[in-house]
Amino acid sequence: MRRLLLLTLFPLAACASSAASTAARPSARPSSQTMGGADVGSITISASSTADVSHLAYSADAVWRILPSVFDSVGIPLTIIDQAKKQIGNGGYKTRQRLGKVSLSRYLDCGNTQIGPNADSYDVFLSVITTVTPEGASGAALSTIVDAQARPATYNQAYSRCSSKGGIEIRIADIVKARLAR
């Protein structure tokens, strides 16, 4: 009976512990979080963003030169331009419904409700950072990391992690390839 009672109360405690946040920017999450206890078991959730890497047959300098226009085409405002590290992107900004002319649900999975994908109706905090690394004499690796969190626009609720569908990363690499092939 005690175990059944704990299993019943645990989900309620988990819901009650998600306090509303008034911060405009989501806080950084720990790399992993363990929840549960000895009587009910536990679960460990790991949050990680891995880079999508494209190998290009163009020099790192050539790729680097066109990246500002590529980010403009995708609709990502630039806040990071580090020539020494060859890193470009945006460390985090709020967006809603669309990235450029494309709906966010095409790029991100933030869950669904009865009315559709959350990425299309939630406030999304998006970070997209691309790094160019030389590979050999005439090649380059294009590494893009997309990190996103979302919360309902009409409720004061904490941000929840979204996952990338790989579309932003592929689109950046495809535009780079198309522009350098000209």
Protein backbone atom coordinates (compact mmCIF):
# COMPACT_ATOMS: atom_id res chain seq x y z
CA MET A 1 0.00 0.00 0.00
CA ARG A 2 2.83 2.39 0.91
CA ARG A 3 4.49 1.80 -2.46
CA LEU A 4 1.20 2.43 -4.33
CA LEU A 5 0.68 5.66 -2.39
CA LEU A 6 4.20 6.86 -3.25
CA LEU A 7 3.73 6.01 -6.92
CA THR A 8 0.51 8.00 -6.91
CA LEU A 9 2.00 11.02 -5.14
CA PHE A 10 5.31 11.13 -7.03
CA PRO A 11 3.82 12.47 -10.31
CA LEU A 12 1.88 15.09 -8.35
CA ALA A 13 5.01 16.20 -6.51
CA ALA A 14 6.88 16.40 -9.80
CA CYS A 15 4.17 18.64 -11.24
CA ALA A 16 4.04 20.84 -8.16
CA SER A 17 7.78 21.31 -8.13
CA SER A 18 7.89 22.91 -11.56
CA ALA A 19 7.60 26.47 -10.32
CA ALA A 20 6.70 29.20 -12.75
CA SER A 21 9.55 31.37 -13.91
CA THR A 22 9.24 35.04 -14.66
CA ALA A 23 12.65 35.28 -16.29
CA ALA A 24 12.64 36.20 -19.96
CA ARG A 25 15.60 33.91 -20.60
CA PRO A 26 15.58 30.25 -19.59
CA SER A 27 18.18 29.18 -17.07
CA ALA A 28 20.90 26.76 -18.03
CA ARG A 29 20.07 23.16 -17.27
CA PRO A 30 22.43 20.79 -15.60
CA SER A 31 23.96 18.19 -17.91
CA SER A 32 21.96 15.48 -16.15
CA GLN A 33 19.26 15.35 -13.52
CA THR A 34 18.17 12.35 -11.43
CA MET A 35 14.64 12.19 -10.03
CA GLY A 36 12.96 9.65 -7.81
CA GLY A 37 13.79 7.86 -4.61
CA ALA A 38 14.64 4.49 -3.10
CA ASP A 39 11.02 3.31 -2.81
CA VAL A 40 9.87 4.27 -6.30
CA GLY A 41 13.00 3.92 -8.42
CA SER A 42 14.68 6.73 -10.28
CA ILE A 43 15.18 8.14 -13.72
CA THR A 44 18.10 10.15 -15.05
CA ILE A 45 17.47 12.71 -17.77
CA SER A 46 20.45 14.00 -19.73
CA ALA A 47 20.29 17.21 -21.72
CA SER A 48 22.78 17.48 -24.52
CA SER A 49 23.08 19.17 -27.85
CA THR A 50 25.35 17.51 -30.34
CA ALA A 51 26.78 19.16 -33.40
CA ASP A 52 25.65 18.25 -36.87
CA VAL A 53 28.82 18.09 -38.98
CA SER A 54 28.99 18.52 -42.76
CA HIS A 55 32.25 17.89 -44.61
CA LEU A 56 32.73 20.31 -47.47
CA ALA A 57 35.17 20.32 -50.40
CA TYR A 58 35.84 24.04 -49.95
CA SER A 59 38.45 25.86 -47.87
CA ALA A 60 37.55 26.98 -44.37
CA ASP A 61 38.22 30.60 -45.38
CA ALA A 62 35.80 30.39 -48.34
CA VAL A 63 33.09 28.86 -46.13
CA TRP A 64 33.69 31.43 -43.39
CA ARG A 65 33.32 34.38 -45.80
CA ILE A 66 29.79 33.45 -46.87
CA LEU A 67 28.36 32.37 -43.51
CA PRO A 68 26.98 35.82 -42.51
CA SER A 69 24.82 35.88 -45.65
CA VAL A 70 23.77 32.25 -45.05
CA PHE A 71 22.54 33.05 -41.54
CA ASP A 72 20.68 36.08 -42.94
CA SER A 73 18.99 33.82 -45.52
CA VAL A 74 17.86 31.38 -42.85
CA GLY A 75 16.54 34.25 -40.69
CA ILE A 76 18.92 34.00 -37.72
CA PRO A 77 20.21 37.35 -36.40
CA LEU A 78 23.94 37.26 -35.66
CA THR A 79 25.27 38.03 -32.18
CA ILE A 80 28.45 35.90 -32.38
CA ILE A 81 31.12 36.48 -35.02
CA ASP A 82 34.47 35.16 -33.81
CA GLN A 83 37.02 35.28 -36.64
CA ALA A 84 39.76 33.59 -34.58
CA LYS A 85 37.60 30.55 -33.72
CA LYS A 86 35.67 30.76 -37.01
CA GLN A 87 32.46 30.64 -34.99
CA ILE A 88 29.27 32.41 -35.98
CA GLY A 89 25.65 32.41 -34.88
CA ASN A 90 23.33 33.51 -32.13
CA GLY A 91 23.80 32.41 -28.52
CA GLY A 92 20.10 32.72 -27.80
CA TYR A 93 17.10 34.81 -28.76
CA LYS A 94 13.33 34.63 -28.49
CA THR A 95 11.34 33.82 -31.59
CA ARG A 96 7.80 32.73 -32.28
CA GLN A 97 6.07 30.65 -34.96
CA ARG A 98 8.62 31.10 -37.77
CA LEU A 99 12.30 31.11 -38.57
CA GLY A 100 12.55 33.26 -41.64
CA LYS A 101 9.65 32.09 -43.81
CA VAL A 102 9.54 28.55 -42.39
CA SER A 103 7.39 27.37 -39.47
CA LEU A 104 9.44 26.41 -36.41
CA SER A 105 7.79 22.97 -36.22
CA ARG A 106 9.62 22.03 -39.40
CA TYR A 107 12.93 22.48 -37.53
CA LEU A 108 12.07 21.77 -33.87
CA ASP A 109 10.14 19.23 -31.86
CA CYS A 110 8.78 20.94 -28.75
CA GLY A 111 5.94 18.48 -28.22
CA ASN A 112 2.32 18.68 -29.35
CA THR A 113 -1.04 19.75 -28.01
CA GLN A 114 -4.53 19.12 -29.33
CA ILE A 115 -4.17 22.13 -31.64
CA GLY A 116 -0.82 21.14 -33.13
CA PRO A 117 2.94 21.38 -32.67
CA ASN A 118 4.05 23.53 -29.71
CA ALA A 119 6.92 25.00 -31.74
CA ASP A 120 4.37 26.90 -33.83
CA SER A 121 2.49 28.48 -30.91
CA TYR A 122 5.02 28.67 -28.03
CA ASP A 123 7.67 31.29 -27.31
CA VAL A 124 10.91 29.61 -28.39
CA PHE A 125 14.36 30.49 -27.08
CA LEU A 126 16.72 29.44 -29.87
CA SER A 127 20.49 29.19 -30.08
CA VAL A 128 22.27 28.33 -33.35
CA ILE A 129 26.07 28.34 -33.47
CA THR A 130 28.20 27.19 -36.40
CA THR A 131 31.94 26.55 -36.33
CA VAL A 132 34.16 26.08 -39.40
CA THR A 133 37.23 23.87 -39.03
CA PRO A 134 39.86 23.29 -41.74
CA GLU A 135 40.14 19.69 -42.99
CA GLY A 136 43.22 18.97 -45.02
CA ALA A 137 44.47 21.36 -47.67
CA SER A 138 41.17 22.24 -49.34
CA GLY A 139 38.35 20.97 -47.14
CA ALA A 140 36.32 22.21 -44.20
CA ALA A 141 34.02 20.80 -41.55
CA LEU A 142 30.91 22.82 -40.82
CA SER A 143 29.62 22.05 -37.29
CA THR A 144 26.27 23.46 -36.25
CA ILE A 145 24.71 23.16 -32.80
CA VAL A 146 21.02 23.99 -32.36
CA ASP A 147 19.62 24.31 -28.85
CA ALA A 148 16.02 25.30 -28.19
CA GLN A 149 13.60 25.65 -25.30
CA ALA A 150 9.96 26.67 -25.41
CA ARG A 151 7.11 27.71 -23.16
CA PRO A 152 3.48 28.67 -23.72
CA ALA A 153 3.04 32.26 -24.82
CA THR A 154 -0.11 32.76 -22.75
CA TYR A 155 0.93 31.08 -19.47
CA ASN A 156 3.74 31.89 -17.09
CA GLN A 157 5.43 28.51 -17.17
CA ALA A 158 9.05 27.32 -17.15
CA TYR A 159 10.81 26.58 -20.42
CA SER A 160 10.88 22.97 -21.64
CA ARG A 161 13.63 21.57 -23.81
CA CYS A 162 12.99 21.09 -27.54
CA SER A 163 14.91 18.82 -29.87
CA SER A 164 16.20 19.70 -33.29
CA LYS A 165 14.88 17.76 -36.26
CA GLY A 166 18.12 18.54 -38.11
CA GLY A 167 16.52 20.93 -40.58
CA ILE A 168 18.35 24.11 -39.56
CA GLU A 169 21.70 22.34 -39.65
CA ILE A 170 21.01 20.82 -43.08
CA ARG A 171 19.66 24.08 -44.46
CA ILE A 172 22.78 26.01 -43.40
CA ALA A 173 25.05 23.37 -45.00
CA ASP A 174 22.94 23.23 -48.20
CA ILE A 175 22.99 27.01 -48.65
CA VAL A 176 26.77 27.07 -48.10
CA LYS A 177 27.26 24.33 -50.73
CA ALA A 178 24.94 26.04 -53.23
CA ARG A 179 26.60 29.44 -52.88
CA LEU A 180 30.12 28.08 -53.12
CA ALA A 181 29.24 25.95 -56.16
CA ARG A 182 28.41 29.10 -58.18
